[in-house]
Protein backbone atom coordinates (compact mmCIF):
# COMPACT_ATOMS: atom_id res chain seq x y z
CA UNK A 1 110.71 -45.47 -19.95
CA UNK A 2 109.92 -44.20 -23.39
CA UNK A 3 109.67 -46.45 -26.45
CA UNK A 4 110.21 -45.59 -30.11
CA UNK A 5 107.34 -46.60 -32.51
CA UNK A 6 109.60 -49.40 -33.63
CA UNK A 7 110.08 -50.71 -29.96
CA UNK A 8 106.27 -50.27 -29.38
CA UNK A 9 105.54 -52.22 -32.59
CA UNK A 10 107.66 -55.09 -31.33
CA UNK A 11 105.77 -55.07 -28.03
CA UNK A 12 102.37 -54.78 -29.71
CA UNK A 13 103.15 -57.58 -32.14
CA UNK A 14 104.29 -59.92 -29.28
CA UNK A 15 100.95 -59.17 -27.55
CA UNK A 16 98.95 -59.98 -30.78
CA UNK A 17 97.67 -56.42 -31.15
CA UNK A 18 98.98 -55.57 -34.62
CA UNK A 19 101.33 -56.84 -37.38
CA UNK A 20 101.46 -53.34 -39.06
CA UNK A 21 104.00 -50.71 -38.15
CA UNK A 22 101.85 -48.11 -39.94
CA UNK A 23 98.91 -48.98 -37.72
CA UNK A 24 100.79 -47.63 -34.68
CA UNK A 25 101.23 -44.26 -36.35
CA UNK A 26 97.54 -44.29 -37.35
CA UNK A 27 96.49 -44.96 -33.72
CA UNK A 28 98.80 -42.09 -32.63
CA UNK A 29 97.25 -39.70 -35.17
CA UNK A 30 93.74 -40.71 -34.22
CA UNK A 31 94.54 -40.14 -30.53
CA UNK A 32 93.95 -43.73 -29.54
CA UNK A 33 97.61 -44.23 -28.49
CA UNK A 34 99.08 -41.21 -26.73
CA UNK A 35 102.59 -40.40 -27.82
CA UNK A 36 105.11 -37.47 -27.78
CA UNK A 37 106.80 -36.31 -31.08
CA UNK A 38 110.56 -36.54 -30.89
CA UNK A 39 110.71 -32.95 -31.95
CA UNK A 40 107.95 -30.50 -31.28
CA UNK A 41 105.78 -29.70 -34.34
CA UNK A 42 107.76 -32.34 -36.28
CA UNK A 43 105.76 -35.67 -35.89
CA UNK A 44 107.25 -36.98 -39.18
CA UNK A 45 110.47 -37.51 -37.37
CA UNK A 46 108.88 -40.14 -35.05
CA UNK A 47 107.18 -40.44 -31.64
CA UNK A 48 108.00 -41.62 -28.15
CA UNK A 49 105.46 -43.68 -26.25
CA UNK A 50 105.52 -44.05 -22.53
CA UNK A 51 105.55 -47.48 -20.92
CA UNK A 52 102.36 -46.61 -19.02
CA UNK A 53 100.45 -45.48 -22.13
CA UNK A 54 101.59 -48.59 -24.03
CA UNK A 55 100.55 -50.83 -21.13
CA UNK A 56 97.09 -49.17 -20.87
CA UNK A 57 96.63 -49.45 -24.69
CA UNK A 58 97.49 -53.15 -24.73
CA UNK A 59 95.21 -53.83 -21.80
CA UNK A 60 92.35 -51.87 -23.44
CA UNK A 61 92.84 -53.75 -26.80
CA UNK A 62 93.04 -57.17 -25.16
CA UNK A 63 89.95 -56.46 -23.14
CA UNK A 64 88.09 -55.34 -26.19
CA UNK A 65 89.21 -58.40 -28.08
CA UNK A 66 88.25 -60.87 -25.25
CA UNK A 67 84.76 -59.18 -24.97
CA UNK A 68 84.27 -59.45 -28.73
CA UNK A 69 85.37 -63.06 -28.72
CA UNK A 70 83.04 -63.89 -25.91
CA UNK A 71 80.12 -62.13 -27.80
CA UNK A 72 80.96 -64.09 -30.96
CA UNK A 73 80.82 -67.43 -29.05
CA UNK A 74 77.49 -66.39 -27.60
CA UNK A 75 76.13 -65.53 -31.07
CA UNK A 76 77.42 -68.72 -32.61
CA UNK A 77 75.59 -70.69 -29.89
CA UNK A 78 72.39 -68.77 -30.57
CA UNK A 79 72.70 -69.34 -34.26
CA UNK A 80 73.10 -73.17 -33.69
CA UNK A 81 70.00 -73.12 -31.47
CA UNK A 82 68.00 -71.16 -34.05
CA UNK A 83 69.15 -73.43 -36.90
CA UNK A 84 67.86 -76.44 -34.85
CA UNK A 85 64.57 -74.76 -34.13
CA UNK A 86 64.18 -74.01 -37.86
CA UNK A 87 64.99 -77.58 -38.70
CA UNK A 88 62.55 -78.83 -36.20
CA UNK A 89 59.73 -76.45 -37.55
CA UNK A 90 60.52 -77.44 -41.13
CA UNK A 91 60.25 -81.21 -40.26
CA UNK A 92 57.03 -80.67 -38.41
CA UNK A 93 55.53 -78.65 -41.35
CA UNK A 94 56.48 -81.46 -43.82
CA UNK A 95 54.76 -83.95 -41.66
CA UNK A 96 51.59 -81.84 -41.59
CA UNK A 97 51.79 -81.70 -37.73
CA UNK A 98 51.16 -78.32 -35.95
CA UNK A 99 53.84 -77.08 -33.58
CA UNK A 100 53.52 -78.24 -29.98
CA UNK A 101 52.91 -74.67 -28.71
CA UNK A 102 50.42 -73.89 -31.59
CA UNK A 103 48.19 -76.75 -30.51
CA UNK A 104 48.09 -75.54 -26.92
CA UNK A 105 46.87 -72.14 -28.04
CA UNK A 106 44.13 -73.55 -30.20
CA UNK A 107 42.60 -75.65 -27.38
CA UNK A 108 42.64 -72.87 -24.84
CA UNK A 109 40.73 -70.38 -27.01
């Protein structure tokens, strides 16, 4: 089955990949989404996109998005941990107490 860019747009929009019809043409021109011009040497008329190519493109985009979301969650957790460590160090410094690990180094030397 071959889709027009309008049909492909509807499918990509349903899958949360894009909300821009122009983005599809951009991906085609960049070679990220494989498509066939309706008429050879006249891509301005439009493109056809195979079901398989569209399926692969969606799978790739979703995997990339899921990987990025997972990494964002990991980084957000790390930021929270670092903020807590900074807060603990700031409180300790205000009290004039050395850090727990700093004291251990001083007595072992």
